[in-house]
Amino acid sequence: MTADKEPKSAYELAMERLRAKDRAAGIDEPKTLTEKQKQRIAELRREAKAKIAELEIFRSGRIAEAGGDPEKLAEIEDHYRIDRERIESRQEAEIRKVRD
């Protein structure tokens, strides 16, 4: 070890080993995103966050209307879960398109 270099942390050593393993397996390094791509991804995340917030507001209103009926509450939760998963899935698909 020279006086110029500081010792590497365990994290840095582990990351070097993983990168070497990836190169040996033929896995490419992740591409650096352009500023335009970063902005589009941020926009997609904001849109998804807004849709989920809207969905939660709608869900709250439906819960209030359900009046404590367990069947209605279960149905509301099922619809909420499905809709949220759909929003998140679409968001991730769009982000993958932007990254490629």
N, C-alpha and C. Protein backbone atom coordinates (compact mmCIF):
# COMPACT_ATOMS: atom_id res chain seq x y z
N MET A 1 0.85 -1.18 0.00
CA MET A 1 0.00 0.00 0.00
C MET A 1 0.89 1.24 0.00
N THR A 2 0.57 2.17 -0.85
CA THR A 2 1.35 3.40 -0.92
C THR A 2 0.73 4.43 0.01
N ALA A 3 1.49 5.45 0.26
CA ALA A 3 1.01 6.50 1.16
C ALA A 3 -0.11 7.31 0.51
N ASP A 4 -0.19 7.30 -0.83
CA ASP A 4 -1.20 8.09 -1.55
C ASP A 4 -2.60 7.50 -1.44
N LYS A 5 -2.69 6.20 -1.36
CA LYS A 5 -4.00 5.55 -1.38
C LYS A 5 -4.47 5.20 0.03
N GLU A 6 -5.74 5.46 0.24
CA GLU A 6 -6.36 5.06 1.50
C GLU A 6 -6.84 3.63 1.36
N PRO A 7 -6.88 2.88 2.44
CA PRO A 7 -7.39 1.50 2.34
C PRO A 7 -8.86 1.53 1.93
N LYS A 8 -9.24 0.52 1.17
CA LYS A 8 -10.63 0.43 0.71
C LYS A 8 -11.50 -0.16 1.81
N SER A 9 -12.73 0.31 1.84
CA SER A 9 -13.68 -0.21 2.81
C SER A 9 -14.15 -1.59 2.37
N ALA A 10 -14.75 -2.31 3.29
CA ALA A 10 -15.29 -3.63 2.96
C ALA A 10 -16.35 -3.51 1.86
N TYR A 11 -17.12 -2.43 1.89
CA TYR A 11 -18.14 -2.19 0.87
C TYR A 11 -17.49 -2.05 -0.50
N GLU A 12 -16.44 -1.23 -0.58
CA GLU A 12 -15.77 -1.02 -1.87
C GLU A 12 -15.17 -2.31 -2.40
N LEU A 13 -14.56 -3.09 -1.53
CA LEU A 13 -13.99 -4.37 -1.94
C LEU A 13 -15.07 -5.33 -2.44
N ALA A 14 -16.19 -5.38 -1.73
CA ALA A 14 -17.30 -6.25 -2.14
C ALA A 14 -17.86 -5.82 -3.49
N MET A 15 -18.01 -4.51 -3.70
CA MET A 15 -18.53 -4.01 -4.98
C MET A 15 -17.56 -4.34 -6.12
N GLU A 16 -16.25 -4.25 -5.87
CA GLU A 16 -15.28 -4.61 -6.91
C GLU A 16 -15.41 -6.08 -7.28
N ARG A 17 -15.58 -6.93 -6.27
CA ARG A 17 -15.74 -8.37 -6.53
C ARG A 17 -17.02 -8.63 -7.32
N LEU A 18 -18.11 -7.96 -6.96
CA LEU A 18 -19.37 -8.14 -7.69
C LEU A 18 -19.26 -7.67 -9.13
N ARG A 19 -18.59 -6.53 -9.35
CA ARG A 19 -18.42 -6.04 -10.72
C ARG A 19 -17.57 -7.02 -11.55
N ALA A 20 -16.53 -7.55 -10.92
CA ALA A 20 -15.68 -8.53 -11.63
C ALA A 20 -16.48 -9.79 -11.95
N LYS A 21 -17.30 -10.22 -11.02
CA LYS A 21 -18.15 -11.40 -11.25
C LYS A 21 -19.14 -11.12 -12.38
N ASP A 22 -19.73 -9.94 -12.40
CA ASP A 22 -20.66 -9.56 -13.47
C ASP A 22 -19.96 -9.54 -14.83
N ARG A 23 -18.77 -8.95 -14.87
CA ARG A 23 -18.02 -8.91 -16.14
C ARG A 23 -17.72 -10.32 -16.63
N ALA A 24 -17.33 -11.21 -15.71
CA ALA A 24 -17.03 -12.59 -16.07
C ALA A 24 -18.27 -13.31 -16.60
N ALA A 25 -19.45 -12.94 -16.07
CA ALA A 25 -20.70 -13.55 -16.49
C ALA A 25 -21.29 -12.88 -17.73
N GLY A 26 -20.63 -11.81 -18.21
CA GLY A 26 -21.11 -11.12 -19.40
C GLY A 26 -22.20 -10.11 -19.14
N ILE A 27 -22.35 -9.71 -17.91
CA ILE A 27 -23.38 -8.73 -17.55
C ILE A 27 -22.77 -7.34 -17.67
N ASP A 28 -23.44 -6.46 -18.40
CA ASP A 28 -22.93 -5.11 -18.63
C ASP A 28 -23.10 -4.23 -17.41
N GLU A 29 -22.28 -3.21 -17.35
CA GLU A 29 -22.41 -2.18 -16.33
C GLU A 29 -23.69 -1.40 -16.59
N PRO A 30 -24.36 -0.94 -15.56
CA PRO A 30 -25.56 -0.14 -15.79
C PRO A 30 -25.22 1.15 -16.53
N LYS A 31 -26.11 1.54 -17.45
CA LYS A 31 -25.90 2.76 -18.21
C LYS A 31 -26.16 3.98 -17.33
N THR A 32 -25.38 5.01 -17.57
CA THR A 32 -25.62 6.27 -16.90
C THR A 32 -26.78 6.96 -17.60
N LEU A 33 -27.71 7.44 -16.83
CA LEU A 33 -28.90 8.09 -17.41
C LEU A 33 -28.59 9.53 -17.80
N THR A 34 -29.22 9.97 -18.88
CA THR A 34 -29.10 11.37 -19.28
C THR A 34 -29.98 12.21 -18.37
N GLU A 35 -29.76 13.50 -18.41
CA GLU A 35 -30.59 14.40 -17.60
C GLU A 35 -32.06 14.32 -18.01
N LYS A 36 -32.29 14.20 -19.32
CA LYS A 36 -33.66 14.09 -19.82
C LYS A 36 -34.33 12.82 -19.29
N GLN A 37 -33.59 11.70 -19.27
CA GLN A 37 -34.13 10.45 -18.73
C GLN A 37 -34.44 10.58 -17.24
N LYS A 38 -33.54 11.21 -16.51
CA LYS A 38 -33.76 11.41 -15.07
C LYS A 38 -35.02 12.23 -14.82
N GLN A 39 -35.18 13.28 -15.62
CA GLN A 39 -36.36 14.13 -15.47
C GLN A 39 -37.64 13.36 -15.79
N ARG A 40 -37.61 12.56 -16.84
CA ARG A 40 -38.80 11.78 -17.23
C ARG A 40 -39.14 10.76 -16.15
N ILE A 41 -38.13 10.10 -15.58
CA ILE A 41 -38.37 9.13 -14.51
C ILE A 41 -38.96 9.82 -13.29
N ALA A 42 -38.43 10.99 -12.95
CA ALA A 42 -38.97 11.75 -11.82
C ALA A 42 -40.42 12.13 -12.08
N GLU A 43 -40.72 12.52 -13.31
CA GLU A 43 -42.09 12.88 -13.69
C GLU A 43 -43.02 11.67 -13.56
N LEU A 44 -42.56 10.51 -14.04
CA LEU A 44 -43.38 9.29 -13.93
C LEU A 44 -43.65 8.94 -12.48
N ARG A 45 -42.65 9.10 -11.64
CA ARG A 45 -42.83 8.80 -10.20
C ARG A 45 -43.80 9.79 -9.55
N ARG A 46 -43.70 11.05 -9.93
CA ARG A 46 -44.65 12.05 -9.38
C ARG A 46 -46.08 11.72 -9.81
N GLU A 47 -46.24 11.36 -11.08
CA GLU A 47 -47.57 11.02 -11.60
C GLU A 47 -48.14 9.81 -10.85
N ALA A 48 -47.32 8.79 -10.66
CA ALA A 48 -47.79 7.59 -9.95
C ALA A 48 -48.14 7.92 -8.50
N LYS A 49 -47.33 8.75 -7.89
CA LYS A 49 -47.60 9.16 -6.50
C LYS A 49 -48.92 9.91 -6.41
N ALA A 50 -49.19 10.77 -7.37
CA ALA A 50 -50.45 11.52 -7.40
C ALA A 50 -51.64 10.59 -7.61
N LYS A 51 -51.48 9.62 -8.50
CA LYS A 51 -52.57 8.67 -8.75
C LYS A 51 -52.85 7.83 -7.50
N ILE A 52 -51.80 7.45 -6.80
CA ILE A 52 -51.99 6.66 -5.57
C ILE A 52 -52.66 7.52 -4.50
N ALA A 53 -52.27 8.78 -4.40
CA ALA A 53 -52.92 9.67 -3.43
C ALA A 53 -54.41 9.83 -3.75
N GLU A 54 -54.72 9.97 -5.03
CA GLU A 54 -56.12 10.07 -5.46
C GLU A 54 -56.86 8.78 -5.11
N LEU A 55 -56.23 7.67 -5.35
CA LEU A 55 -56.82 6.37 -5.05
C LEU A 55 -57.09 6.23 -3.54
N GLU A 56 -56.16 6.71 -2.72
CA GLU A 56 -56.34 6.64 -1.27
C GLU A 56 -57.48 7.52 -0.79
N ILE A 57 -57.63 8.68 -1.40
CA ILE A 57 -58.75 9.57 -1.05
C ILE A 57 -60.06 8.90 -1.41
N PHE A 58 -60.13 8.33 -2.60
CA PHE A 58 -61.33 7.61 -3.04
C PHE A 58 -61.64 6.45 -2.09
N ARG A 59 -60.58 5.73 -1.70
CA ARG A 59 -60.74 4.60 -0.78
C ARG A 59 -61.29 5.06 0.57
N SER A 60 -60.78 6.17 1.07
CA SER A 60 -61.25 6.69 2.36
C SER A 60 -62.74 7.00 2.33
N GLY A 61 -63.18 7.60 1.22
CA GLY A 61 -64.61 7.90 1.07
C GLY A 61 -65.44 6.63 1.03
N ARG A 62 -64.96 5.63 0.32
CA ARG A 62 -65.69 4.36 0.23
C ARG A 62 -65.74 3.66 1.58
N ILE A 63 -64.66 3.76 2.35
CA ILE A 63 -64.63 3.14 3.69
C ILE A 63 -65.67 3.81 4.58
N ALA A 64 -65.77 5.13 4.49
CA ALA A 64 -66.76 5.86 5.29
C ALA A 64 -68.18 5.44 4.90
N GLU A 65 -68.40 5.23 3.59
CA GLU A 65 -69.72 4.82 3.11
C GLU A 65 -70.06 3.39 3.51
N ALA A 66 -69.04 2.56 3.71
CA ALA A 66 -69.27 1.14 4.01
C ALA A 66 -69.89 0.93 5.39
N GLY A 67 -69.72 1.89 6.27
CA GLY A 67 -70.36 1.82 7.57
C GLY A 67 -69.91 0.63 8.41
N GLY A 68 -68.70 0.16 8.22
CA GLY A 68 -68.18 -0.94 9.04
C GLY A 68 -68.56 -2.33 8.57
N ASP A 69 -69.23 -2.45 7.45
CA ASP A 69 -69.60 -3.76 6.91
C ASP A 69 -68.33 -4.50 6.48
N PRO A 70 -68.02 -5.63 7.13
CA PRO A 70 -66.77 -6.35 6.83
C PRO A 70 -66.64 -6.78 5.37
N GLU A 71 -67.75 -7.20 4.77
CA GLU A 71 -67.68 -7.64 3.37
C GLU A 71 -67.36 -6.47 2.44
N LYS A 72 -68.01 -5.35 2.68
CA LYS A 72 -67.75 -4.17 1.86
C LYS A 72 -66.32 -3.67 2.07
N LEU A 73 -65.86 -3.70 3.33
CA LEU A 73 -64.50 -3.26 3.62
C LEU A 73 -63.48 -4.16 2.93
N ALA A 74 -63.71 -5.46 2.94
CA ALA A 74 -62.80 -6.40 2.27
C ALA A 74 -62.78 -6.14 0.77
N GLU A 75 -63.95 -5.88 0.21
CA GLU A 75 -64.04 -5.59 -1.23
C GLU A 75 -63.29 -4.30 -1.57
N ILE A 76 -63.46 -3.30 -0.73
CA ILE A 76 -62.77 -2.01 -0.93
C ILE A 76 -61.26 -2.22 -0.90
N GLU A 77 -60.80 -2.98 0.08
CA GLU A 77 -59.36 -3.23 0.21
C GLU A 77 -58.82 -4.03 -0.98
N ASP A 78 -59.60 -4.99 -1.45
CA ASP A 78 -59.18 -5.77 -2.62
C ASP A 78 -59.03 -4.87 -3.85
N HIS A 79 -60.03 -4.02 -4.07
CA HIS A 79 -59.99 -3.10 -5.22
C HIS A 79 -58.81 -2.13 -5.08
N TYR A 80 -58.60 -1.64 -3.87
CA TYR A 80 -57.50 -0.71 -3.63
C TYR A 80 -56.16 -1.39 -3.95
N ARG A 81 -55.97 -2.60 -3.44
CA ARG A 81 -54.72 -3.33 -3.65
C ARG A 81 -54.47 -3.57 -5.14
N ILE A 82 -55.50 -4.01 -5.84
CA ILE A 82 -55.38 -4.27 -7.28
C ILE A 82 -55.05 -2.99 -8.05
N ASP A 83 -55.76 -1.91 -7.74
CA ASP A 83 -55.52 -0.64 -8.43
C ASP A 83 -54.12 -0.10 -8.15
N ARG A 84 -53.68 -0.21 -6.90
CA ARG A 84 -52.35 0.27 -6.53
C ARG A 84 -51.27 -0.55 -7.25
N GLU A 85 -51.42 -1.86 -7.28
CA GLU A 85 -50.46 -2.71 -7.98
C GLU A 85 -50.42 -2.37 -9.47
N ARG A 86 -51.57 -2.08 -10.04
CA ARG A 86 -51.64 -1.72 -11.46
C ARG A 86 -50.88 -0.42 -11.71
N ILE A 87 -51.09 0.57 -10.87
CA ILE A 87 -50.39 1.85 -11.00
C ILE A 87 -48.88 1.66 -10.89
N GLU A 88 -48.46 0.90 -9.88
CA GLU A 88 -47.04 0.67 -9.66
C GLU A 88 -46.41 -0.12 -10.80
N SER A 89 -47.15 -1.10 -11.30
CA SER A 89 -46.65 -1.92 -12.41
C SER A 89 -46.47 -1.07 -13.67
N ARG A 90 -47.45 -0.24 -13.96
CA ARG A 90 -47.35 0.64 -15.14
C ARG A 90 -46.19 1.61 -14.99
N GLN A 91 -46.02 2.13 -13.78
CA GLN A 91 -44.92 3.06 -13.53
C GLN A 91 -43.59 2.37 -13.80
N GLU A 92 -43.39 1.18 -13.27
CA GLU A 92 -42.13 0.47 -13.46
C GLU A 92 -41.90 0.13 -14.94
N ALA A 93 -42.96 -0.24 -15.65
CA ALA A 93 -42.84 -0.54 -17.09
C ALA A 93 -42.41 0.71 -17.86
N GLU A 94 -43.00 1.84 -17.54
CA GLU A 94 -42.65 3.09 -18.21
C GLU A 94 -41.20 3.49 -17.89
N ILE A 95 -40.79 3.29 -16.64
CA ILE A 95 -39.42 3.61 -16.24
C ILE A 95 -38.43 2.73 -17.00
N ARG A 96 -38.76 1.45 -17.15
CA ARG A 96 -37.88 0.54 -17.91
C ARG A 96 -37.74 1.02 -19.36
N LYS A 97 -38.83 1.50 -19.94
CA LYS A 97 -38.79 2.03 -21.33
C LYS A 97 -37.86 3.23 -21.41
N VAL A 98 -37.94 4.10 -20.43
CA VAL A 98 -37.11 5.30 -20.42
C VAL A 98 -35.64 4.92 -20.29
N ARG A 99 -35.34 3.95 -19.46
CA ARG A 99 -33.94 3.53 -19.23
C ARG A 99 -33.34 2.86 -20.45
N ASP A 100 -34.15 2.21 -21.26
CA ASP A 100 -33.61 1.48 -22.43
C ASP A 100 -33.34 2.37 -23.58
